[in-house]
Amino acid sequence: MKRGYRALRDCVFHNPLALPLFPNNMVNIASNMLPYQIGIEVECSFKDGTRSMCDVNLGDIVSELGIVNYTWDISEQRFRIKSGVAGMIGLYNVCEYLKKECYLNNMSGIHYHVGIGYPSIEKLYTRLCGGTIEQRKIVDMILPELDKWDYKGQYNSRYVSPEKSLAWVNIRRRMGTVEYRIGEMTFDYSVMINRILHVSSISSKVIKNINA
């Protein structure tokens, strides 16, 4: 079992395309590692310059990548992946798509939106706007974990904010997401899935706390 679990983790972090080949109980273990849909904002542009959404069949791209949706503008690619193993496979496909279609912009980064949904986002928003003790409890669950990322950027400041930009973490009440804004620029699946699973774990711990 230990050998099988090591093989499962290796696929989760490096080769998710092989995950459906595992027994159902092990696929369920992998799926539970990613319980949320994740929005990914990658600040980069197309290699072939400006591209209109009218120039492509978005439905075909979304279907081919196996994701929920995809949009872009002149400087940013925005994807939303599914939860579970399907999301891991979608993320792998997104990374391959980015390598093929986009320039790696090392002067910028990636934002991850964890779709915790309702009513969790309302409870989290209320706690952050409440008393100092409640705020501090939540902040202390989040920021020390993100310190492990060793953020080198200058644009975002080390705090958790309800509905404001320029923070490491924003609570996007309208979108039902917790936005983590300090991801380093990469098209590497292994780096992205590590970040995504970490913010998913952080978000789950926060939700468990506010629901206690």
C-alpha atoms as a PDB file:
ATOM      1  CA  MET A   1       0.000   0.000   0.000  1.00  0.00           C
ATOM      2  CA  LYS A   2       2.823   2.423   0.819  1.00  0.00           C
ATOM      3  CA  ARG A   3       4.389   1.777  -2.595  1.00  0.00           C
ATOM      4  CA  GLY A   4       1.035   2.341  -4.277  1.00  0.00           C
ATOM      5  CA  TYR A   5       0.488   5.577  -2.362  1.00  0.00           C
ATOM      6  CA  ARG A   6       3.947   6.832  -3.342  1.00  0.00           C
ATOM      7  CA  ALA A   7       3.137   6.052  -6.977  1.00  0.00           C
ATOM      8  CA  LEU A   8      -0.159   7.896  -6.626  1.00  0.00           C
ATOM      9  CA  ARG A   9       1.519  10.998  -5.178  1.00  0.00           C
ATOM     10  CA  ASP A  10       4.130  10.908  -7.907  1.00  0.00           C
ATOM     11  CA  CYS A  11       1.371  11.024 -10.514  1.00  0.00           C
ATOM     12  CA  VAL A  12      -0.489  13.800  -8.672  1.00  0.00           C
ATOM     13  CA  PHE A  13       2.605  15.996  -8.645  1.00  0.00           C
ATOM     14  CA  HIS A  14       4.159  15.031 -11.979  1.00  0.00           C
ATOM     15  CA  ASN A  15       1.959  12.953 -14.290  1.00  0.00           C
ATOM     16  CA  PRO A  16      -1.796  13.289 -13.612  1.00  0.00           C
ATOM     17  CA  LEU A  17      -2.685  11.749 -16.980  1.00  0.00           C
ATOM     18  CA  ALA A  18      -1.961   8.351 -15.400  1.00  0.00           C
ATOM     19  CA  LEU A  19      -4.283   8.856 -12.404  1.00  0.00           C
ATOM     20  CA  PRO A  20      -7.419   7.317 -14.016  1.00  0.00           C
ATOM     21  CA  LEU A  21      -5.480   4.044 -14.330  1.00  0.00           C
ATOM     22  CA  PHE A  22      -5.399   3.608 -10.536  1.00  0.00           C
ATOM     23  CA  PRO A  23      -8.115   1.704  -8.620  1.00  0.00           C
ATOM     24  CA  ASN A  24     -11.160   3.797  -7.744  1.00  0.00           C
ATOM     25  CA  ASN A  25     -10.328   4.026  -4.041  1.00  0.00           C
ATOM     26  CA  MET A  26      -6.925   5.524  -4.851  1.00  0.00           C
ATOM     27  CA  VAL A  27      -8.387   7.886  -7.450  1.00  0.00           C
ATOM     28  CA  ASN A  28     -10.720   9.102  -4.690  1.00  0.00           C
ATOM     29  CA  ILE A  29      -7.719   9.793  -2.448  1.00  0.00           C
ATOM     30  CA  ALA A  30      -6.165  11.922  -5.181  1.00  0.00           C
ATOM     31  CA  SER A  31      -9.457  13.720  -5.875  1.00  0.00           C
ATOM     32  CA  ASN A  32      -9.838  14.651  -2.209  1.00  0.00           C
ATOM     33  CA  MET A  33      -6.548  16.541  -2.411  1.00  0.00           C
ATOM     34  CA  LEU A  34      -8.243  19.063  -4.736  1.00  0.00           C
ATOM     35  CA  PRO A  35     -11.765  19.620  -3.376  1.00  0.00           C
ATOM     36  CA  TYR A  36     -12.361  22.973  -5.115  1.00  0.00           C
ATOM     37  CA  GLN A  37     -12.511  24.414  -8.570  1.00  0.00           C
ATOM     38  CA  ILE A  38      -9.514  26.718  -9.028  1.00  0.00           C
ATOM     39  CA  GLY A  39      -9.302  29.896 -11.064  1.00  0.00           C
ATOM     40  CA  ILE A  40      -5.838  30.641 -12.434  1.00  0.00           C
ATOM     41  CA  GLU A  41      -4.772  34.061 -13.706  1.00  0.00           C
ATOM     42  CA  VAL A  42      -1.479  33.915 -15.570  1.00  0.00           C
ATOM     43  CA  GLU A  43      -0.038  37.312 -16.496  1.00  0.00           C
ATOM     44  CA  CYS A  44       1.417  36.573 -19.932  1.00  0.00           C
ATOM     45  CA  SER A  45       0.645  37.256 -23.588  1.00  0.00           C
ATOM     46  CA  PHE A  46       0.332  35.192 -26.759  1.00  0.00           C
ATOM     47  CA  LYS A  47       3.377  34.508 -28.892  1.00  0.00           C
ATOM     48  CA  ASP A  48       1.455  35.556 -31.989  1.00  0.00           C
ATOM     49  CA  GLY A  49       0.430  38.927 -30.524  1.00  0.00           C
ATOM     50  CA  THR A  50      -3.110  40.153 -29.916  1.00  0.00           C
ATOM     51  CA  ARG A  51      -5.772  37.510 -30.419  1.00  0.00           C
ATOM     52  CA  SER A  52      -9.510  38.056 -30.518  1.00  0.00           C
ATOM     53  CA  MET A  53     -11.868  35.557 -28.916  1.00  0.00           C
ATOM     54  CA  CYS A  54     -13.769  35.714 -32.192  1.00  0.00           C
ATOM     55  CA  ASP A  55     -10.759  34.197 -33.947  1.00  0.00           C
ATOM     56  CA  VAL A  56     -11.015  30.854 -32.143  1.00  0.00           C
ATOM     57  CA  ASN A  57     -13.651  28.392 -31.000  1.00  0.00           C
ATOM     58  CA  LEU A  58     -13.474  28.771 -27.233  1.00  0.00           C
ATOM     59  CA  GLY A  59     -15.744  25.793 -26.723  1.00  0.00           C
ATOM     60  CA  ASP A  60     -13.303  23.553 -28.567  1.00  0.00           C
ATOM     61  CA  ILE A  61     -10.351  24.829 -26.523  1.00  0.00           C
ATOM     62  CA  VAL A  62     -12.196  24.378 -23.227  1.00  0.00           C
ATOM     63  CA  SER A  63     -13.278  20.874 -24.228  1.00  0.00           C
ATOM     64  CA  GLU A  64      -9.801  19.912 -25.428  1.00  0.00           C
ATOM     65  CA  LEU A  65      -8.153  21.122 -22.235  1.00  0.00           C
ATOM     66  CA  GLY A  66     -10.826  19.537 -20.032  1.00  0.00           C
ATOM     67  CA  ILE A  67     -11.466  22.685 -17.993  1.00  0.00           C
ATOM     68  CA  VAL A  68     -14.486  24.749 -16.901  1.00  0.00           C
ATOM     69  CA  ASN A  69     -13.760  27.954 -18.816  1.00  0.00           C
ATOM     70  CA  TYR A  70     -11.050  30.122 -20.374  1.00  0.00           C
ATOM     71  CA  THR A  71     -10.787  33.825 -21.206  1.00  0.00           C
ATOM     72  CA  TRP A  72      -7.950  36.248 -21.848  1.00  0.00           C
ATOM     73  CA  ASP A  73      -6.985  39.813 -22.577  1.00  0.00           C
ATOM     74  CA  ILE A  74      -3.823  41.424 -23.944  1.00  0.00           C
ATOM     75  CA  SER A  75      -1.758  40.647 -20.834  1.00  0.00           C
ATOM     76  CA  GLU A  76      -3.482  37.815 -18.960  1.00  0.00           C
ATOM     77  CA  GLN A  77      -4.704  34.254 -19.487  1.00  0.00           C
ATOM     78  CA  ARG A  78      -7.550  33.129 -17.200  1.00  0.00           C
ATOM     79  CA  PHE A  79      -8.481  29.487 -16.706  1.00  0.00           C
ATOM     80  CA  ARG A  80     -10.804  27.685 -14.299  1.00  0.00           C
ATOM     81  CA  ILE A  81     -10.101  24.028 -13.658  1.00  0.00           C
ATOM     82  CA  LYS A  82     -12.408  21.413 -12.194  1.00  0.00           C
ATOM     83  CA  SER A  83     -12.029  19.869  -8.760  1.00  0.00           C
ATOM     84  CA  GLY A  84     -10.484  16.455  -8.197  1.00  0.00           C
ATOM     85  CA  VAL A  85      -8.462  14.369 -10.626  1.00  0.00           C
ATOM     86  CA  ALA A  86     -10.215  15.996 -13.594  1.00  0.00           C
ATOM     87  CA  GLY A  87      -8.841  19.326 -12.396  1.00  0.00           C
ATOM     88  CA  MET A  88      -5.307  17.976 -12.147  1.00  0.00           C
ATOM     89  CA  ILE A  89      -5.500  16.656 -15.702  1.00  0.00           C
ATOM     90  CA  GLY A  90      -6.972  19.972 -16.858  1.00  0.00           C
ATOM     91  CA  LEU A  91      -4.126  21.847 -15.169  1.00  0.00           C
ATOM     92  CA  TYR A  92      -1.564  19.652 -16.927  1.00  0.00           C
ATOM     93  CA  ASN A  93      -3.237  20.427 -20.259  1.00  0.00           C
ATOM     94  CA  VAL A  94      -3.298  24.141 -19.446  1.00  0.00           C
ATOM     95  CA  CYS A  95       0.441  24.111 -18.743  1.00  0.00           C
ATOM     96  CA  GLU A  96       1.147  22.416 -22.065  1.00  0.00           C
ATOM     97  CA  TYR A  97      -1.102  24.936 -23.823  1.00  0.00           C
ATOM     98  CA  LEU A  98       0.724  27.867 -22.201  1.00  0.00           C
ATOM     99  CA  LYS A  99       4.112  26.488 -23.235  1.00  0.00           C
ATOM    100  CA  LYS A 100       2.919  26.252 -26.813  1.00  0.00           C
ATOM    101  CA  GLU A 101       0.938  29.491 -27.134  1.00  0.00           C
ATOM    102  CA  CYS A 102       2.366  32.057 -24.702  1.00  0.00           C
ATOM    103  CA  TYR A 103       5.530  33.833 -23.647  1.00  0.00           C
ATOM    104  CA  LEU A 104       6.766  33.209 -20.110  1.00  0.00           C
ATOM    105  CA  ASN A 105       6.670  36.617 -18.404  1.00  0.00           C
ATOM    106  CA  ASN A 106       9.199  36.403 -15.578  1.00  0.00           C
ATOM    107  CA  MET A 107       8.447  39.991 -14.570  1.00  0.00           C
ATOM    108  CA  SER A 108       4.975  39.001 -13.370  1.00  0.00           C
ATOM    109  CA  GLY A 109       3.200  36.145 -11.611  1.00  0.00           C
ATOM    110  CA  ILE A 110       0.127  33.981 -11.105  1.00  0.00           C
ATOM    111  CA  HIS A 111      -3.007  34.450  -8.983  1.00  0.00           C
ATOM    112  CA  TYR A 112      -4.927  31.406  -7.700  1.00  0.00           C
ATOM    113  CA  HIS A 113      -8.658  31.638  -6.872  1.00  0.00           C
ATOM    114  CA  VAL A 114      -9.921  28.868  -4.581  1.00  0.00           C
ATOM    115  CA  GLY A 115     -13.650  28.456  -5.193  1.00  0.00           C
ATOM    116  CA  ILE A 116     -14.909  27.881  -1.653  1.00  0.00           C
ATOM    117  CA  GLY A 117     -18.372  29.088  -2.689  1.00  0.00           C
ATOM    118  CA  TYR A 118     -21.336  30.069  -0.528  1.00  0.00           C
ATOM    119  CA  PRO A 119     -22.052  30.281   2.398  1.00  0.00           C
ATOM    120  CA  SER A 120     -18.370  29.798   3.321  1.00  0.00           C
ATOM    121  CA  ILE A 121     -17.234  32.979   1.559  1.00  0.00           C
ATOM    122  CA  GLU A 122     -19.872  35.028   3.406  1.00  0.00           C
ATOM    123  CA  LYS A 123     -18.795  33.638   6.771  1.00  0.00           C
ATOM    124  CA  LEU A 124     -15.136  34.292   6.012  1.00  0.00           C
ATOM    125  CA  TYR A 125     -15.868  37.834   4.846  1.00  0.00           C
ATOM    126  CA  THR A 126     -17.888  38.550   7.999  1.00  0.00           C
ATOM    127  CA  ARG A 127     -15.140  37.242  10.266  1.00  0.00           C
ATOM    128  CA  LEU A 128     -12.490  39.373   8.553  1.00  0.00           C
ATOM    129  CA  CYS A 129     -14.684  42.456   8.895  1.00  0.00           C
ATOM    130  CA  GLY A 130     -15.463  41.678  12.513  1.00  0.00           C
ATOM    131  CA  GLY A 131     -13.440  42.004  15.707  1.00  0.00           C
ATOM    132  CA  THR A 132      -9.667  42.005  15.955  1.00  0.00           C
ATOM    133  CA  ILE A 133      -9.527  38.594  17.638  1.00  0.00           C
ATOM    134  CA  GLU A 134     -11.484  36.926  14.823  1.00  0.00           C
ATOM    135  CA  GLN A 135      -9.376  38.645  12.175  1.00  0.00           C
ATOM    136  CA  ARG A 136      -6.115  37.648  13.825  1.00  0.00           C
ATOM    137  CA  LYS A 137      -7.138  34.013  14.141  1.00  0.00           C
ATOM    138  CA  ILE A 138      -7.811  33.743  10.401  1.00  0.00           C
ATOM    139  CA  VAL A 139      -4.759  35.756   9.349  1.00  0.00           C
ATOM    140  CA  ASP A 140      -2.516  33.596  11.550  1.00  0.00           C
ATOM    141  CA  MET A 141      -3.821  30.489   9.798  1.00  0.00           C
ATOM    142  CA  ILE A 142      -2.988  31.874   6.360  1.00  0.00           C
ATOM    143  CA  LEU A 143       0.077  34.111   6.279  1.00  0.00           C
ATOM    144  CA  PRO A 144       2.611  31.860   8.090  1.00  0.00           C
ATOM    145  CA  GLU A 145       1.792  29.151   5.551  1.00  0.00           C
ATOM    146  CA  LEU A 146       2.320  31.544   2.643  1.00  0.00           C
ATOM    147  CA  ASP A 147       5.644  32.678   4.110  1.00  0.00           C
ATOM    148  CA  LYS A 148       6.920  29.264   2.974  1.00  0.00           C
ATOM    149  CA  TRP A 149       6.538  30.431  -0.634  1.00  0.00           C
ATOM    150  CA  ASP A 150       9.330  32.978  -0.115  1.00  0.00           C
ATOM    151  CA  TYR A 151       7.547  35.617  -2.179  1.00  0.00           C
ATOM    152  CA  LYS A 152      10.063  37.872  -3.946  1.00  0.00           C
ATOM    153  CA  GLY A 153       7.630  40.303  -5.546  1.00  0.00           C
ATOM    154  CA  GLN A 154       7.098  43.910  -4.518  1.00  0.00           C
ATOM    155  CA  TYR A 155       3.578  44.474  -5.806  1.00  0.00           C
ATOM    156  CA  ASN A 156       1.527  42.699  -3.117  1.00  0.00           C
ATOM    157  CA  SER A 157       1.770  43.333   0.635  1.00  0.00           C
ATOM    158  CA  ARG A 158       1.669  40.720   3.395  1.00  0.00           C
ATOM    159  CA  TYR A 159      -1.900  40.892   4.638  1.00  0.00           C
ATOM    160  CA  VAL A 160      -5.348  39.378   4.084  1.00  0.00           C
ATOM    161  CA  SER A 161      -7.948  41.767   2.691  1.00  0.00           C
ATOM    162  CA  PRO A 162     -11.712  41.680   2.133  1.00  0.00           C
ATOM    163  CA  GLU A 163     -12.282  42.864  -1.437  1.00  0.00           C
ATOM    164  CA  LYS A 164      -9.108  44.922  -1.919  1.00  0.00           C
ATOM    165  CA  SER A 165      -6.166  44.485  -4.253  1.00  0.00           C
ATOM    166  CA  LEU A 166      -2.440  44.668  -3.462  1.00  0.00           C
ATOM    167  CA  ALA A 167      -2.692  42.083  -0.670  1.00  0.00           C
ATOM    168  CA  TRP A 168      -1.210  38.597  -0.572  1.00  0.00           C
ATOM    169  CA  VAL A 169      -4.759  37.271  -0.118  1.00  0.00           C
ATOM    170  CA  ASN A 170      -8.067  38.815  -1.187  1.00  0.00           C
ATOM    171  CA  ILE A 171     -11.523  37.577  -0.209  1.00  0.00           C
ATOM    172  CA  ARG A 172     -13.518  37.859  -3.430  1.00  0.00           C
ATOM    173  CA  ARG A 173     -17.011  37.832  -1.972  1.00  0.00           C
ATOM    174  CA  ARG A 174     -18.840  38.374  -5.269  1.00  0.00           C
ATOM    175  CA  MET A 175     -16.912  35.577  -6.976  1.00  0.00           C
ATOM    176  CA  GLY A 176     -17.084  33.141  -4.065  1.00  0.00           C
ATOM    177  CA  THR A 177     -13.299  32.708  -4.093  1.00  0.00           C
ATOM    178  CA  VAL A 178     -10.265  33.252  -1.932  1.00  0.00           C
ATOM    179  CA  GLU A 179      -7.608  34.799  -4.175  1.00  0.00           C
ATOM    180  CA  TYR A 180      -3.949  34.060  -3.443  1.00  0.00           C
ATOM    181  CA  ARG A 181      -1.891  36.603  -5.377  1.00  0.00           C
ATOM    182  CA  ILE A 182       1.735  35.605  -4.779  1.00  0.00           C
ATOM    183  CA  GLY A 183       2.299  32.700  -7.155  1.00  0.00           C
ATOM    184  CA  GLU A 184       5.555  32.861  -9.069  1.00  0.00           C
ATOM    185  CA  MET A 185       5.436  32.872 -12.856  1.00  0.00           C
ATOM    186  CA  THR A 186       5.705  29.368 -14.268  1.00  0.00           C
ATOM    187  CA  PHE A 187       4.262  27.102 -16.935  1.00  0.00           C
ATOM    188  CA  ASP A 188       5.463  24.058 -14.981  1.00  0.00           C
ATOM    189  CA  TYR A 189       2.722  21.681 -13.846  1.00  0.00           C
ATOM    190  CA  SER A 190       4.610  20.440 -10.789  1.00  0.00           C
ATOM    191  CA  VAL A 191       5.103  23.973  -9.475  1.00  0.00           C
ATOM    192  CA  MET A 192       1.491  24.958 -10.102  1.00  0.00           C
ATOM    193  CA  ILE A 193      -0.053  21.854  -8.543  1.00  0.00           C
ATOM    194  CA  ASN A 194       2.098  22.296  -5.434  1.00  0.00           C
ATOM    195  CA  ARG A 195       0.825  25.853  -5.038  1.00  0.00           C
ATOM    196  CA  ILE A 196      -2.767  24.891  -5.786  1.00  0.00           C
ATOM    197  CA  LEU A 197      -2.868  21.989  -3.342  1.00  0.00           C
ATOM    198  CA  HIS A 198      -1.289  24.178  -0.675  1.00  0.00           C
ATOM    199  CA  VAL A 199      -3.847  26.994  -1.025  1.00  0.00           C
ATOM    200  CA  SER A 200      -6.624  24.392  -1.147  1.00  0.00           C
ATOM    201  CA  SER A 201      -5.380  22.945   2.138  1.00  0.00           C
ATOM    202  CA  ILE A 202      -5.095  26.399   3.722  1.00  0.00           C
ATOM    203  CA  SER A 203      -8.613  27.284   2.592  1.00  0.00           C
ATOM    204  CA  SER A 204     -10.027  24.025   3.967  1.00  0.00           C
ATOM    205  CA  LYS A 205      -8.469  24.684   7.374  1.00  0.00           C
ATOM    206  CA  VAL A 206      -9.905  28.206   7.443  1.00  0.00           C
ATOM    207  CA  ILE A 207     -13.380  26.948   6.471  1.00  0.00           C
ATOM    208  CA  LYS A 208     -13.248  24.255   9.157  1.00  0.00           C
ATOM    209  CA  ASN A 209     -12.328  26.903  11.717  1.00  0.00           C
ATOM    210  CA  ILE A 210     -15.096  29.341  10.823  1.00  0.00           C
ATOM    211  CA  ASN A 211     -17.655  26.520  10.789  1.00  0.00           C
ATOM    212  CA  ALA A 212     -16.576  25.153  14.184  1.00  0.00           C
END
